[in-house]
C-alpha atoms as a PDB file:
ATOM      1  CA  THR A   1       0.900 -15.910   5.733  1.00  0.00           C
ATOM      2  CA  LEU A   2       3.941 -15.678   3.516  1.00  0.00           C
ATOM      3  CA  CYS A   3       6.302 -12.742   3.864  1.00  0.00           C
ATOM      4  CA  THR A   4       8.496 -12.064   0.877  1.00  0.00           C
ATOM      5  CA  ASP A   5      11.379  -9.930  -0.264  1.00  0.00           C
ATOM      6  CA  ARG A   6      13.286  -9.769  -3.542  1.00  0.00           C
ATOM      7  CA  PRO A   7      14.977 -13.170  -3.208  1.00  0.00           C
ATOM      8  CA  GLN A   8      11.571 -14.868  -2.848  1.00  0.00           C
ATOM      9  CA  LEU A   9       9.500 -12.817  -5.293  1.00  0.00           C
ATOM     10  CA  ASP A  10      10.568 -10.777  -8.296  1.00  0.00           C
ATOM     11  CA  LEU A  11       7.527  -8.552  -8.721  1.00  0.00           C
ATOM     12  CA  PHE A  12       8.223  -8.096 -12.448  1.00  0.00           C
ATOM     13  CA  ASN A  13       8.603 -11.769 -13.361  1.00  0.00           C
ATOM     14  CA  VAL A  14       5.384 -13.780 -13.702  1.00  0.00           C
ATOM     15  CA  VAL A  15       7.361 -17.044 -13.417  1.00  0.00           C
ATOM     16  CA  SER A  16       8.568 -15.884 -10.007  1.00  0.00           C
ATOM     17  CA  TRP A  17       4.945 -15.302  -8.947  1.00  0.00           C
ATOM     18  CA  LEU A  18       3.956 -18.730 -10.286  1.00  0.00           C
ATOM     19  CA  LYS A  19       6.786 -20.525  -8.493  1.00  0.00           C
ATOM     20  CA  LEU A  20       5.966 -18.868  -5.192  1.00  0.00           C
ATOM     21  CA  PHE A  21       2.213 -19.356  -5.410  1.00  0.00           C
ATOM     22  CA  SER A  22       2.012 -22.605  -7.402  1.00  0.00           C
ATOM     23  CA  GLN A  23       0.387 -24.433  -4.481  1.00  0.00           C
ATOM     24  CA  SER A  24      -2.652 -22.146  -4.770  1.00  0.00           C
ATOM     25  CA  GLU A  25      -4.447 -23.859  -7.637  1.00  0.00           C
ATOM     26  CA  ASN A  26      -7.506 -21.608  -7.418  1.00  0.00           C
ATOM     27  CA  GLY A  27      -5.598 -18.383  -6.875  1.00  0.00           C
ATOM     28  CA  ILE A  28      -4.525 -16.333  -3.902  1.00  0.00           C
ATOM     29  CA  ARG A  29      -7.152 -14.928  -1.533  1.00  0.00           C
ATOM     30  CA  VAL A  30      -5.160 -11.981  -0.106  1.00  0.00           C
ATOM     31  CA  LEU A  31      -2.055  -9.993  -1.015  1.00  0.00           C
ATOM     32  CA  HIS A  32      -0.763  -7.289   1.320  1.00  0.00           C
ATOM     33  CA  ALA A  33       1.786  -4.562   0.527  1.00  0.00           C
ATOM     34  CA  GLU A  34       2.464  -1.957   3.207  1.00  0.00           C
ATOM     35  CA  HIS A  35       4.848   0.836   2.190  1.00  0.00           C
ATOM     36  CA  VAL A  36       6.193  -0.985  -0.847  1.00  0.00           C
ATOM     37  CA  LEU A  37       4.737   0.659  -3.967  1.00  0.00           C
ATOM     38  CA  GLU A  38       6.209   4.119  -3.300  1.00  0.00           C
ATOM     39  CA  HIS A  39       9.557   2.573  -4.272  1.00  0.00           C
ATOM     40  CA  PHE A  40       8.314   1.972  -7.838  1.00  0.00           C
ATOM     41  CA  ASN A  41       7.341   4.239 -10.729  1.00  0.00           C
ATOM     42  CA  PRO A  42       3.841   4.220 -12.285  1.00  0.00           C
ATOM     43  CA  ILE A  43       4.745   1.805 -15.091  1.00  0.00           C
ATOM     44  CA  GLN A  44       6.259  -0.644 -12.606  1.00  0.00           C
ATOM     45  CA  VAL A  45       3.213  -0.366 -10.343  1.00  0.00           C
ATOM     46  CA  GLN A  46       0.942  -1.132 -13.299  1.00  0.00           C
ATOM     47  CA  GLN A  47       2.991  -4.288 -13.955  1.00  0.00           C
ATOM     48  CA  ILE A  48       2.682  -5.292 -10.287  1.00  0.00           C
ATOM     49  CA  ALA A  49      -1.072  -4.605 -10.328  1.00  0.00           C
ATOM     50  CA  ALA A  50      -1.515  -6.732 -13.473  1.00  0.00           C
ATOM     51  CA  ALA A  51       0.522  -9.610 -12.034  1.00  0.00           C
ATOM     52  CA  ALA A  52      -1.435  -9.478  -8.771  1.00  0.00           C
ATOM     53  CA  TYR A  53      -4.718  -9.434 -10.681  1.00  0.00           C
ATOM     54  CA  THR A  54      -3.816 -12.623 -12.547  1.00  0.00           C
ATOM     55  CA  MET A  55      -2.737 -14.388  -9.343  1.00  0.00           C
ATOM     56  CA  LEU A  56      -5.725 -13.480  -7.167  1.00  0.00           C
ATOM     57  CA  LYS A  57      -8.758 -15.734  -7.094  1.00  0.00           C
ATOM     58  CA  PRO A  58     -12.125 -14.161  -7.993  1.00  0.00           C
ATOM     59  CA  GLY A  59     -13.096 -11.881  -5.101  1.00  0.00           C
ATOM     60  CA  GLY A  60      -9.474 -11.816  -3.894  1.00  0.00           C
ATOM     61  CA  VAL A  61      -8.102  -8.675  -2.274  1.00  0.00           C
ATOM     62  CA  PHE A  62      -4.842  -6.782  -2.646  1.00  0.00           C
ATOM     63  CA  ARG A  63      -4.536  -4.614   0.494  1.00  0.00           C
ATOM     64  CA  ILE A  64      -2.238  -1.658  -0.175  1.00  0.00           C
ATOM     65  CA  ALA A  65      -0.826   1.121   1.983  1.00  0.00           C
ATOM     66  CA  VAL A  66       1.690   3.770   0.930  1.00  0.00           C
ATOM     67  CA  PRO A  67       2.752   7.155   2.327  1.00  0.00           C
ATOM     68  CA  ASP A  68       0.026   9.693   1.535  1.00  0.00           C
ATOM     69  CA  GLY A  69       1.008  12.468  -0.880  1.00  0.00           C
ATOM     70  CA  TYR A  70      -2.022  14.553   0.145  1.00  0.00           C
ATOM     71  CA  LYS A  71      -1.227  14.633   3.881  1.00  0.00           C
ATOM     72  CA  PRO A  72      -0.876  18.358   4.698  1.00  0.00           C
ATOM     73  CA  SER A  73       2.022  18.196   7.201  1.00  0.00           C
ATOM     74  CA  PRO A  74       5.146  19.786   5.615  1.00  0.00           C
ATOM     75  CA  SER A  75       7.534  17.604   7.657  1.00  0.00           C
ATOM     76  CA  TYR A  76       5.625  14.447   6.637  1.00  0.00           C
ATOM     77  CA  GLN A  77       5.921  15.505   2.988  1.00  0.00           C
ATOM     78  CA  ARG A  78       9.695  16.005   3.392  1.00  0.00           C
ATOM     79  CA  TYR A  79       9.859  12.612   5.088  1.00  0.00           C
ATOM     80  CA  ILE A  80       8.099  10.768   2.236  1.00  0.00           C
ATOM     81  CA  ARG A  81       9.301  12.827  -0.753  1.00  0.00           C
ATOM     82  CA  PRO A  82      10.536  11.140  -3.936  1.00  0.00           C
ATOM     83  CA  GLY A  83      14.296  10.692  -3.758  1.00  0.00           C
ATOM     84  CA  GLY A  84      14.079  10.476   0.025  1.00  0.00           C
ATOM     85  CA  THR A  85      13.448   7.517   2.304  1.00  0.00           C
ATOM     86  CA  ALA A  86      15.387   4.435   1.230  1.00  0.00           C
ATOM     87  CA  SER A  87      14.027   0.921   1.599  1.00  0.00           C
ATOM     88  CA  GLY A  88      16.059  -1.792   3.269  1.00  0.00           C
ATOM     89  CA  HIS A  89      17.644  -2.422  -0.145  1.00  0.00           C
ATOM     90  CA  GLY A  90      18.478   1.206  -0.882  1.00  0.00           C
ATOM     91  CA  GLN A  91      15.619   1.791  -3.331  1.00  0.00           C
ATOM     92  CA  ARG A  92      14.403   5.300  -2.540  1.00  0.00           C
ATOM     93  CA  HIS A  93      10.872   6.629  -2.784  1.00  0.00           C
ATOM     94  CA  MET A  94      10.012   7.277  -6.418  1.00  0.00           C
ATOM     95  CA  VAL A  95       6.474   8.657  -6.072  1.00  0.00           C
ATOM     96  CA  ALA A  96       4.393  10.361  -3.387  1.00  0.00           C
ATOM     97  CA  TRP A  97       1.150   8.555  -4.260  1.00  0.00           C
ATOM     98  CA  THR A  98      -2.303  10.009  -3.643  1.00  0.00           C
ATOM     99  CA  ILE A  99      -5.786   8.516  -3.717  1.00  0.00           C
ATOM    100  CA  ASP A 100      -6.140  10.183  -7.134  1.00  0.00           C
ATOM    101  CA  SER A 101      -2.902   8.877  -8.642  1.00  0.00           C
ATOM    102  CA  LEU A 102      -2.514   5.298  -7.359  1.00  0.00           C
ATOM    103  CA  CYS A 103      -6.068   3.914  -7.366  1.00  0.00           C
ATOM    104  CA  PRO A 104      -6.645   4.561 -11.110  1.00  0.00           C
ATOM    105  CA  ILE A 105      -3.686   2.301 -11.945  1.00  0.00           C
ATOM    106  CA  PHE A 106      -5.372  -0.593 -10.150  1.00  0.00           C
ATOM    107  CA  GLU A 107      -8.755   0.234 -11.666  1.00  0.00           C
ATOM    108  CA  SER A 108      -7.169   0.195 -15.136  1.00  0.00           C
ATOM    109  CA  VAL A 109      -6.327  -3.506 -14.805  1.00  0.00           C
ATOM    110  CA  GLY A 110      -9.794  -4.424 -13.501  1.00  0.00           C
ATOM    111  CA  PHE A 111      -9.739  -3.983  -9.717  1.00  0.00           C
ATOM    112  CA  ARG A 112     -12.596  -2.385  -7.789  1.00  0.00           C
ATOM    113  CA  ILE A 113     -11.271   0.002  -5.135  1.00  0.00           C
ATOM    114  CA  ILE A 114     -12.466   0.398  -1.550  1.00  0.00           C
ATOM    115  CA  PRO A 115     -10.706   3.373   0.098  1.00  0.00           C
ATOM    116  CA  ARG A 116      -9.893   2.667   3.757  1.00  0.00           C
ATOM    117  CA  GLU A 117      -7.815   5.624   4.956  1.00  0.00           C
ATOM    118  CA  TYR A 118      -6.516   8.667   3.094  1.00  0.00           C
ATOM    119  CA  PHE A 119      -6.305  12.419   2.768  1.00  0.00           C
ATOM    120  CA  ASP A 120      -8.147  14.034  -0.126  1.00  0.00           C
ATOM    121  CA  ASP A 121      -6.849  16.851  -2.325  1.00  0.00           C
ATOM    122  CA  LYS A 122      -8.269  19.430   0.108  1.00  0.00           C
ATOM    123  CA  GLY A 123      -6.262  17.962   3.016  1.00  0.00           C
ATOM    124  CA  ASP A 124      -9.284  16.385   4.706  1.00  0.00           C
ATOM    125  CA  PHE A 125      -8.728  13.022   6.415  1.00  0.00           C
ATOM    126  CA  HIS A 126     -11.003  10.041   5.749  1.00  0.00           C
ATOM    127  CA  THR A 127     -10.931   6.760   7.670  1.00  0.00           C
ATOM    128  CA  SER A 128     -13.045   3.599   7.840  1.00  0.00           C
ATOM    129  CA  GLU A 129     -13.780   1.787  11.096  1.00  0.00           C
ATOM    130  CA  GLU A 130     -14.678  -1.301   9.031  1.00  0.00           C
ATOM    131  CA  ALA A 131     -11.095  -1.586   7.848  1.00  0.00           C
ATOM    132  CA  TYR A 132      -9.878  -1.977  11.421  1.00  0.00           C
ATOM    133  CA  GLU A 133     -12.521  -4.591  12.237  1.00  0.00           C
ATOM    134  CA  ASP A 134     -11.493  -6.964   9.432  1.00  0.00           C
ATOM    135  CA  THR A 135      -7.948  -8.157  10.205  1.00  0.00           C
ATOM    136  CA  SER A 136      -8.158 -11.181   7.883  1.00  0.00           C
ATOM    137  CA  LEU A 137      -6.754  -8.990   5.090  1.00  0.00           C
ATOM    138  CA  GLY A 138      -3.749  -7.897   7.169  1.00  0.00           C
ATOM    139  CA  ARG A 139      -3.156  -5.057   9.600  1.00  0.00           C
ATOM    140  CA  ILE A 140      -1.766  -1.762   8.351  1.00  0.00           C
ATOM    141  CA  ARG A 141       0.715  -0.677  11.041  1.00  0.00           C
ATOM    142  CA  ARG A 142       1.281   2.831   9.692  1.00  0.00           C
ATOM    143  CA  SER A 143      -2.325   3.917  10.155  1.00  0.00           C
ATOM    144  CA  TYR A 144      -4.363   6.312  12.279  1.00  0.00           C
ATOM    145  CA  GLN A 145      -5.317   3.770  14.962  1.00  0.00           C
ATOM    146  CA  ARG A 146      -2.188   1.598  14.947  1.00  0.00           C
ATOM    147  CA  ASP A 147       0.777   3.956  14.522  1.00  0.00           C
ATOM    148  CA  LYS A 148       2.195   4.822  17.964  1.00  0.00           C
ATOM    149  CA  ARG A 149       3.365   8.215  16.718  1.00  0.00           C
ATOM    150  CA  ASN A 150      -0.273   9.314  16.743  1.00  0.00           C
ATOM    151  CA  ASN A 151      -0.380   8.908  20.547  1.00  0.00           C
ATOM    152  CA  LEU A 152       2.492  11.311  21.251  1.00  0.00           C
ATOM    153  CA  PRO A 153       1.949  14.752  22.741  1.00  0.00           C
ATOM    154  CA  ASP A 154       1.088  17.329  20.055  1.00  0.00           C
ATOM    155  CA  ASP A 155       4.339  19.270  20.571  1.00  0.00           C
ATOM    156  CA  GLU A 156       6.738  16.280  20.510  1.00  0.00           C
ATOM    157  CA  VAL A 157       9.210  15.892  17.615  1.00  0.00           C
ATOM    158  CA  VAL A 158       9.604  12.351  16.239  1.00  0.00           C
ATOM    159  CA  LYS A 159      13.321  11.817  15.561  1.00  0.00           C
ATOM    160  CA  SER A 160      14.451   9.631  12.686  1.00  0.00           C
ATOM    161  CA  LYS A 161      17.639   8.933  10.709  1.00  0.00           C
ATOM    162  CA  ILE A 162      15.881  10.082   7.558  1.00  0.00           C
ATOM    163  CA  GLY A 163      14.190  13.201   8.900  1.00  0.00           C
ATOM    164  CA  ASP A 164      12.166  14.440  11.818  1.00  0.00           C
ATOM    165  CA  LEU A 165       8.389  14.523  11.968  1.00  0.00           C
ATOM    166  CA  LEU A 166       7.651  17.909  13.492  1.00  0.00           C
ATOM    167  CA  PRO A 167       4.516  18.929  15.363  1.00  0.00           C
ATOM    168  CA  ASP A 168       3.293  20.762  12.228  1.00  0.00           C
ATOM    169  CA  THR A 169      -0.057  19.061  11.805  1.00  0.00           C
ATOM    170  CA  LYS A 170      -3.281  21.028  11.789  1.00  0.00           C
ATOM    171  CA  PRO A 171      -5.726  20.499  14.720  1.00  0.00           C
ATOM    172  CA  GLY A 172      -7.211  17.008  14.580  1.00  0.00           C
ATOM    173  CA  GLU A 173      -4.754  15.798  11.915  1.00  0.00           C
ATOM    174  CA  PRO A 174      -3.084  12.499  12.870  1.00  0.00           C
ATOM    175  CA  ARG A 175       0.706  12.599  13.017  1.00  0.00           C
ATOM    176  CA  TYR A 176       1.332   9.550  10.793  1.00  0.00           C
ATOM    177  CA  THR A 177      -1.089   7.758   8.462  1.00  0.00           C
ATOM    178  CA  SER A 178      -1.020   6.031   5.106  1.00  0.00           C
ATOM    179  CA  LEU A 179      -3.018   6.091   1.931  1.00  0.00           C
ATOM    180  CA  TRP A 180      -4.692   2.721   2.432  1.00  0.00           C
ATOM    181  CA  PHE A 181      -7.129   0.922   0.128  1.00  0.00           C
ATOM    182  CA  ASP A 182      -8.288  -2.549  -0.823  1.00  0.00           C
ATOM    183  CA  ALA A 183      -8.160  -3.506  -4.502  1.00  0.00           C
ATOM    184  CA  ILE A 184     -10.697  -6.264  -5.137  1.00  0.00           C
ATOM    185  CA  LYS A 185     -10.740  -8.602  -8.106  1.00  0.00           C
ATOM    186  CA  PRO A 186     -14.351  -9.018  -9.270  1.00  0.00           C
ATOM    187  CA  LYS A 187     -15.949 -12.367  -8.492  1.00  0.00           C
ATOM    188  CA  SER A 188     -17.108 -12.469 -12.100  1.00  0.00           C
ATOM    189  CA  CYS A 189     -13.490 -12.728 -13.310  1.00  0.00           C
ATOM    190  CA  SER A 190     -12.728 -16.433 -13.000  1.00  0.00           C
ATOM    191  CA  ALA A 191      -9.324 -16.467 -14.692  1.00  0.00           C
ATOM    192  CA  THR A 192      -6.167 -16.999 -12.615  1.00  0.00           C
ATOM    193  CA  MET A 193      -2.620 -17.933 -13.558  1.00  0.00           C
ATOM    194  CA  THR A 194      -1.809 -20.088 -10.501  1.00  0.00           C
ATOM    195  CA  GLY A 195      -1.709 -23.785 -11.214  1.00  0.00           C
ATOM    196  CA  MET A 196      -1.754 -23.271 -15.001  1.00  0.00           C
ATOM    197  CA  LEU A 197       1.927 -23.435 -15.944  1.00  0.00           C
ATOM    198  CA  LEU A 198       3.790 -25.370 -13.255  1.00  0.00           C
END
């Protein structure tokens, strides 16, 4: 496991990726980004997806979770809105991604998508028990089963510096979840960039 931030990995510089992952001659098996991509615009996310695709070994997985733009709760939507929530570096949310807006970017560079947890455009919640069973790809903390806010009493307000999560969910709707999916590089794609240039 290798945790990174800007000083270790410039997501828009392929040389930065190569330096960090040069020891992986056959490519990387797993990448994991939880609540990262909402801080980038669609063009930037396409660049990140393309870089990840070239670094992953055939069959490799990029596990992704972002705030869910289809989650019906009004206070959740205020909480995750573009221009709101700053990252640790001050980069605010740029997009409220949905299953219908983020996955096609990854598909456009060649990934196959396996949805794990998300709300659809009708506000219905979908989850996958299989995703929780396989922890080798990383655990998504801000998810239905793992986020502690989902265990609070229905009428409790969750206080935060950036906005409160109110008890405004519909019956059966979890308090806090993410749009979560696995982007898989096809096994038939044998090309990787790791080990080629350094």
